[in-house]
Structures are given as C-alpha cells and as structure tokens.
Amino acid sequence: MSEPTKFIDRYALGFAEAEDINDFIDYWHDSDSIAELHDFLGLSWEEYTLLAADSYALPIIVKARMERVPIARAVNDNIRSYERIAARSDDAGKISALQRWIAAQPDR
C-alpha cells in the first residue's frame, strides 16, 4: 500500500507534521494544479476555514474525521475542554479563535 498524497491524510497517519503543510502549500503554488488549495490539501472548505482561523486546529480536524462527527461539534467539544483549563493556562487565545470560527458558521 502506498503512502497517501493529501496533506491531511499524511498528517493523520503520522507521515507528516503540522508544519509540513507549508511545503504542501508551496508545492501547490509552484504547480500547475487546477485544484483549489483546500482540495489539494485534502480538506473540506469548512475544515480549511477552521485551520485558517486557528493554525492549531489540525488535531480537531483529524479527531472529527476519526469519530465521524461534524467539525462544528468537534470544535465545540474542544472549546468546552479548553474552558475547563483556561484559567490556569494560555489556552484563552485558542478558545477565542475557535469561538469566532463557530460564530461565523452558517446555521445548519
């Protein structure tokens, strides 16, 4: 079996680190690909906008995929987890970014 070619699949399987996304983006810019960047990375538009809002969202995206839950639910679950420990850490910025992303989502 060959290794996956999409960034998100490689990341989820441990073949890529979070910072490797920059190499994929550079490759996309330099290529003749007609795919939109989010498709090239293997992300849905919703996942892509989350990642743009919070660069630390990759684990949330992977967890949502593994658990087969909507990304907004996974984000809300993470917000609740961060809120429990925010008073004693620097996660307040992460909470704020995730809350802004949730607020910007259309009602479903």
N, C-alpha and C. Protein backbone atom coordinates (compact mmCIF):
# COMPACT_ATOMS: atom_id res chain seq x y z
N MET A 1 0.84 -1.18 0.00
CA MET A 1 0.00 0.00 0.00
C MET A 1 0.89 1.25 0.00
N SER A 2 0.59 2.18 -0.85
CA SER A 2 1.41 3.39 -0.94
C SER A 2 0.94 4.42 0.08
N GLU A 3 1.82 5.36 0.36
CA GLU A 3 1.50 6.44 1.30
C GLU A 3 0.49 7.39 0.66
N PRO A 4 -0.40 7.97 1.46
CA PRO A 4 -1.36 8.94 0.92
C PRO A 4 -0.66 10.19 0.41
N THR A 5 -1.30 10.87 -0.53
CA THR A 5 -0.68 12.06 -1.12
C THR A 5 -1.26 13.37 -0.59
N LYS A 6 -2.44 13.35 -0.02
CA LYS A 6 -3.04 14.57 0.52
C LYS A 6 -2.43 14.86 1.88
N PHE A 7 -2.20 16.13 2.15
CA PHE A 7 -1.57 16.50 3.41
C PHE A 7 -2.33 15.96 4.62
N ILE A 8 -3.65 16.18 4.67
CA ILE A 8 -4.41 15.81 5.87
C ILE A 8 -4.33 14.31 6.13
N ASP A 9 -4.32 13.52 5.07
CA ASP A 9 -4.22 12.06 5.24
C ASP A 9 -2.84 11.68 5.76
N ARG A 10 -1.81 12.31 5.22
CA ARG A 10 -0.44 12.04 5.66
C ARG A 10 -0.28 12.46 7.13
N TYR A 11 -0.84 13.61 7.48
CA TYR A 11 -0.77 14.09 8.87
C TYR A 11 -1.49 13.12 9.81
N ALA A 12 -2.68 12.70 9.44
CA ALA A 12 -3.49 11.82 10.29
C ALA A 12 -2.80 10.48 10.51
N LEU A 13 -2.03 10.02 9.52
CA LEU A 13 -1.35 8.73 9.63
C LEU A 13 0.07 8.84 10.19
N GLY A 14 0.50 10.06 10.49
CA GLY A 14 1.82 10.24 11.08
C GLY A 14 2.95 10.36 10.06
N PHE A 15 2.61 10.49 8.78
CA PHE A 15 3.64 10.65 7.74
C PHE A 15 4.06 12.11 7.56
N ALA A 16 3.33 13.03 8.19
CA ALA A 16 3.64 14.47 8.08
C ALA A 16 3.39 15.13 9.43
N GLU A 17 4.17 16.17 9.68
CA GLU A 17 4.00 17.01 10.87
C GLU A 17 3.15 18.22 10.48
N ALA A 18 2.60 18.90 11.46
CA ALA A 18 1.76 20.08 11.20
C ALA A 18 2.48 21.11 10.33
N GLU A 19 3.75 21.36 10.63
CA GLU A 19 4.46 22.40 9.88
C GLU A 19 4.74 22.01 8.42
N ASP A 20 4.58 20.73 8.09
CA ASP A 20 4.77 20.28 6.70
C ASP A 20 3.71 20.84 5.76
N ILE A 21 2.62 21.36 6.33
CA ILE A 21 1.58 21.94 5.48
C ILE A 21 2.16 23.06 4.62
N ASN A 22 3.15 23.78 5.15
CA ASN A 22 3.77 24.87 4.38
C ASN A 22 4.44 24.36 3.12
N ASP A 23 5.06 23.19 3.18
CA ASP A 23 5.67 22.60 1.99
C ASP A 23 4.61 22.22 0.96
N PHE A 24 3.48 21.71 1.43
CA PHE A 24 2.39 21.36 0.52
C PHE A 24 1.83 22.61 -0.14
N ILE A 25 1.69 23.68 0.62
CA ILE A 25 1.18 24.94 0.06
C ILE A 25 2.16 25.50 -0.96
N ASP A 26 3.46 25.47 -0.65
CA ASP A 26 4.47 25.94 -1.60
C ASP A 26 4.42 25.11 -2.88
N TYR A 27 4.29 23.79 -2.74
CA TYR A 27 4.22 22.91 -3.91
C TYR A 27 2.99 23.27 -4.75
N TRP A 28 1.86 23.52 -4.08
CA TRP A 28 0.64 23.89 -4.80
C TRP A 28 0.84 25.18 -5.59
N HIS A 29 1.47 26.18 -4.95
CA HIS A 29 1.73 27.45 -5.63
C HIS A 29 2.61 27.27 -6.85
N ASP A 30 3.59 26.37 -6.74
CA ASP A 30 4.54 26.16 -7.83
C ASP A 30 4.05 25.19 -8.90
N SER A 31 2.95 24.52 -8.63
CA SER A 31 2.45 23.50 -9.57
C SER A 31 1.45 24.10 -10.57
N ASP A 32 1.06 23.27 -11.49
CA ASP A 32 0.04 23.64 -12.46
C ASP A 32 -1.32 23.08 -12.05
N SER A 33 -1.47 22.72 -10.79
CA SER A 33 -2.70 22.12 -10.31
C SER A 33 -3.88 23.06 -10.51
N ILE A 34 -4.99 22.49 -10.96
CA ILE A 34 -6.21 23.27 -11.09
C ILE A 34 -7.09 23.12 -9.84
N ALA A 35 -6.66 22.27 -8.91
CA ALA A 35 -7.41 22.08 -7.67
C ALA A 35 -7.30 23.32 -6.80
N GLU A 36 -8.37 23.59 -6.08
CA GLU A 36 -8.31 24.66 -5.10
C GLU A 36 -7.43 24.18 -3.95
N LEU A 37 -6.83 25.11 -3.22
CA LEU A 37 -5.87 24.75 -2.18
C LEU A 37 -6.46 23.79 -1.15
N HIS A 38 -7.66 24.05 -0.70
CA HIS A 38 -8.23 23.17 0.32
C HIS A 38 -8.39 21.74 -0.21
N ASP A 39 -8.78 21.60 -1.47
CA ASP A 39 -8.88 20.26 -2.06
C ASP A 39 -7.51 19.62 -2.19
N PHE A 40 -6.53 20.40 -2.60
CA PHE A 40 -5.17 19.90 -2.75
C PHE A 40 -4.63 19.36 -1.42
N LEU A 41 -4.99 20.03 -0.34
CA LEU A 41 -4.55 19.60 1.00
C LEU A 41 -5.38 18.44 1.54
N GLY A 42 -6.53 18.18 0.90
CA GLY A 42 -7.41 17.11 1.35
C GLY A 42 -8.43 17.57 2.38
N LEU A 43 -8.64 18.87 2.46
CA LEU A 43 -9.55 19.45 3.44
C LEU A 43 -10.86 19.86 2.79
N SER A 44 -11.94 19.74 3.54
CA SER A 44 -13.20 20.34 3.09
C SER A 44 -13.06 21.86 3.26
N TRP A 45 -13.96 22.60 2.65
CA TRP A 45 -13.92 24.05 2.81
C TRP A 45 -14.08 24.43 4.29
N GLU A 46 -14.98 23.74 4.98
CA GLU A 46 -15.22 24.02 6.39
C GLU A 46 -13.96 23.76 7.22
N GLU A 47 -13.27 22.65 6.95
CA GLU A 47 -12.03 22.34 7.67
C GLU A 47 -10.95 23.39 7.35
N TYR A 48 -10.89 23.80 6.10
CA TYR A 48 -9.91 24.79 5.67
C TYR A 48 -10.13 26.13 6.38
N THR A 49 -11.39 26.56 6.48
CA THR A 49 -11.66 27.83 7.15
C THR A 49 -11.33 27.74 8.64
N LEU A 50 -11.57 26.57 9.23
CA LEU A 50 -11.19 26.39 10.63
C LEU A 50 -9.68 26.49 10.80
N LEU A 51 -8.95 25.84 9.92
CA LEU A 51 -7.49 25.88 10.00
C LEU A 51 -6.97 27.31 9.78
N ALA A 52 -7.63 28.05 8.91
CA ALA A 52 -7.23 29.45 8.69
C ALA A 52 -7.50 30.29 9.93
N ALA A 53 -8.56 29.96 10.67
CA ALA A 53 -8.90 30.70 11.89
C ALA A 53 -8.02 30.31 13.06
N ASP A 54 -7.59 29.05 13.09
CA ASP A 54 -6.78 28.55 14.21
C ASP A 54 -5.77 27.56 13.65
N SER A 55 -4.53 27.99 13.57
CA SER A 55 -3.49 27.15 12.96
C SER A 55 -3.20 25.88 13.77
N TYR A 56 -3.75 25.79 14.97
CA TYR A 56 -3.55 24.60 15.80
C TYR A 56 -4.74 23.64 15.71
N ALA A 57 -5.59 23.80 14.71
CA ALA A 57 -6.83 23.02 14.61
C ALA A 57 -6.66 21.64 13.96
N LEU A 58 -5.49 21.31 13.47
CA LEU A 58 -5.33 20.01 12.80
C LEU A 58 -5.77 18.83 13.67
N PRO A 59 -5.40 18.77 14.94
CA PRO A 59 -5.88 17.64 15.75
C PRO A 59 -7.40 17.58 15.86
N ILE A 60 -8.04 18.74 15.89
CA ILE A 60 -9.51 18.77 15.95
C ILE A 60 -10.09 18.19 14.67
N ILE A 61 -9.52 18.57 13.54
CA ILE A 61 -9.99 18.09 12.24
C ILE A 61 -9.84 16.58 12.15
N VAL A 62 -8.68 16.08 12.54
CA VAL A 62 -8.43 14.64 12.48
C VAL A 62 -9.36 13.90 13.44
N LYS A 63 -9.54 14.43 14.63
CA LYS A 63 -10.42 13.78 15.60
C LYS A 63 -11.85 13.72 15.07
N ALA A 64 -12.33 14.81 14.49
CA ALA A 64 -13.68 14.83 13.93
C ALA A 64 -13.83 13.78 12.84
N ARG A 65 -12.82 13.64 12.00
CA ARG A 65 -12.86 12.63 10.94
C ARG A 65 -12.85 11.22 11.53
N MET A 66 -12.00 11.00 12.50
CA MET A 66 -11.89 9.66 13.09
C MET A 66 -13.18 9.27 13.82
N GLU A 67 -13.78 10.23 14.49
CA GLU A 67 -15.01 9.96 15.24
C GLU A 67 -16.26 10.12 14.38
N ARG A 68 -16.04 10.58 13.14
CA ARG A 68 -17.14 10.79 12.18
C ARG A 68 -18.23 11.69 12.76
N VAL A 69 -17.77 12.82 13.28
CA VAL A 69 -18.70 13.82 13.81
C VAL A 69 -18.50 15.11 13.01
N PRO A 70 -19.53 15.94 12.96
CA PRO A 70 -19.38 17.23 12.26
C PRO A 70 -18.26 18.05 12.90
N ILE A 71 -17.55 18.78 12.07
CA ILE A 71 -16.42 19.57 12.56
C ILE A 71 -16.86 20.59 13.60
N ALA A 72 -18.03 21.18 13.43
CA ALA A 72 -18.51 22.16 14.42
C ALA A 72 -18.71 21.51 15.79
N ARG A 73 -19.17 20.28 15.81
CA ARG A 73 -19.33 19.58 17.09
C ARG A 73 -17.97 19.33 17.73
N ALA A 74 -17.00 18.91 16.94
CA ALA A 74 -15.65 18.68 17.46
C ALA A 74 -15.05 19.97 18.01
N VAL A 75 -15.29 21.08 17.33
CA VAL A 75 -14.80 22.37 17.81
C VAL A 75 -15.46 22.73 19.13
N ASN A 76 -16.78 22.58 19.20
CA ASN A 76 -17.49 22.87 20.46
C ASN A 76 -16.99 22.00 21.60
N ASP A 77 -16.74 20.72 21.32
CA ASP A 77 -16.20 19.83 22.34
C ASP A 77 -14.84 20.33 22.83
N ASN A 78 -14.02 20.81 21.90
CA ASN A 78 -12.70 21.32 22.28
C ASN A 78 -12.80 22.61 23.06
N ILE A 79 -13.75 23.46 22.69
CA ILE A 79 -13.94 24.70 23.44
C ILE A 79 -14.28 24.37 24.90
N ARG A 80 -15.18 23.41 25.09
CA ARG A 80 -15.54 23.03 26.46
C ARG A 80 -14.32 22.48 27.21
N SER A 81 -13.50 21.69 26.54
CA SER A 81 -12.29 21.16 27.18
C SER A 81 -11.33 22.28 27.54
N TYR A 82 -11.13 23.23 26.62
CA TYR A 82 -10.23 24.34 26.90
C TYR A 82 -10.75 25.22 28.02
N GLU A 83 -12.08 25.42 28.06
CA GLU A 83 -12.65 26.27 29.10
C GLU A 83 -12.37 25.72 30.50
N ARG A 84 -12.33 24.40 30.61
CA ARG A 84 -12.07 23.78 31.91
C ARG A 84 -10.67 24.10 32.43
N ILE A 85 -9.72 24.30 31.52
CA ILE A 85 -8.34 24.52 31.96
C ILE A 85 -7.82 25.93 31.64
N ALA A 86 -8.64 26.77 31.01
CA ALA A 86 -8.18 28.08 30.56
C ALA A 86 -7.72 28.97 31.71
N ALA A 87 -8.33 28.82 32.84
CA ALA A 87 -7.97 29.69 33.97
C ALA A 87 -6.54 29.47 34.41
N ARG A 88 -5.97 28.31 34.12
CA ARG A 88 -4.60 28.03 34.56
C ARG A 88 -3.63 27.80 33.41
N SER A 89 -3.98 28.31 32.23
CA SER A 89 -3.07 28.12 31.09
C SER A 89 -3.19 29.28 30.10
N ASP A 90 -2.52 29.13 28.96
CA ASP A 90 -2.58 30.17 27.93
C ASP A 90 -3.51 29.77 26.79
N ASP A 91 -4.49 28.90 27.07
CA ASP A 91 -5.41 28.43 26.04
C ASP A 91 -6.53 29.42 25.74
N ALA A 92 -6.58 30.54 26.42
CA ALA A 92 -7.65 31.52 26.20
C ALA A 92 -7.66 32.01 24.76
N GLY A 93 -6.49 32.19 24.16
CA GLY A 93 -6.42 32.61 22.76
C GLY A 93 -6.99 31.57 21.82
N LYS A 94 -6.74 30.30 22.11
CA LYS A 94 -7.29 29.22 21.30
C LYS A 94 -8.81 29.20 21.40
N ILE A 95 -9.31 29.37 22.62
CA ILE A 95 -10.76 29.39 22.82
C ILE A 95 -11.38 30.50 21.99
N SER A 96 -10.78 31.67 22.05
CA SER A 96 -11.31 32.82 21.32
C SER A 96 -11.34 32.57 19.82
N ALA A 97 -10.27 32.01 19.26
CA ALA A 97 -10.22 31.72 17.83
C ALA A 97 -11.28 30.70 17.44
N LEU A 98 -11.45 29.68 18.24
CA LEU A 98 -12.45 28.66 17.95
C LEU A 98 -13.86 29.23 18.08
N GLN A 99 -14.09 30.05 19.08
CA GLN A 99 -15.41 30.66 19.25
C GLN A 99 -15.75 31.58 18.09
N ARG A 100 -14.79 32.34 17.60
CA ARG A 100 -15.03 33.20 16.43
C ARG A 100 -15.37 32.36 15.21
N TRP A 101 -14.67 31.22 15.03
CA TRP A 101 -14.94 30.36 13.89
C TRP A 101 -16.36 29.80 13.98
N ILE A 102 -16.75 29.30 15.16
CA ILE A 102 -18.10 28.77 15.35
C ILE A 102 -19.14 29.86 15.04
N ALA A 103 -18.92 31.05 15.54
CA ALA A 103 -19.88 32.15 15.34
C ALA A 103 -20.03 32.50 13.86
N ALA A 104 -18.98 32.31 13.08
CA ALA A 104 -19.02 32.67 11.66
C ALA A 104 -19.67 31.58 10.79
N GLN A 105 -19.97 30.43 11.37
CA GLN A 105 -20.55 29.33 10.59
C GLN A 105 -22.03 29.60 10.35
N PRO A 106 -22.49 29.27 9.13
CA PRO A 106 -23.93 29.43 8.87
C PRO A 106 -24.71 28.43 9.72
N ASP A 107 -25.91 28.82 10.12
CA ASP A 107 -26.77 27.90 10.87
C ASP A 107 -27.13 26.72 9.99
N ARG A 108 -27.12 25.56 10.61
CA ARG A 108 -27.45 24.35 9.85
C ARG A 108 -28.64 23.68 10.45
